[in-house]
Amino acid sequence: MTTPIQADVDDARRELENAYREYERAAQDLTSLPPIATHERAALTQRKVEAWNSLEAARMRYEDVQKRAGGSQQGMSDES
């Protein structure tokens, strides 16, 4: 049975993995454009920046959930 905290950790991990994949796709799409495609390059640069921001937010959420999960497990072991 999955605890609510473990479910939060799993959700945060999936969110982090998805954000990382999206950032990698945006970076790859940007590097595959020819230099002359300026409008497309601007749009993909914006997408890459947004993907980076999502990745950072997901990382911070994951770290926060990990800390809460660690504190919850610590609290349970203190009660034993």
Foldseek 3Di string as FASTA:
>chain_A
DADPLNVQLVVLVVQLVVLVVQLVVLVVVLVPDDPVPVVVNVVSVVSNVVSVVSNVVSVVSNVVSVVVVVVVVVVVVVVD
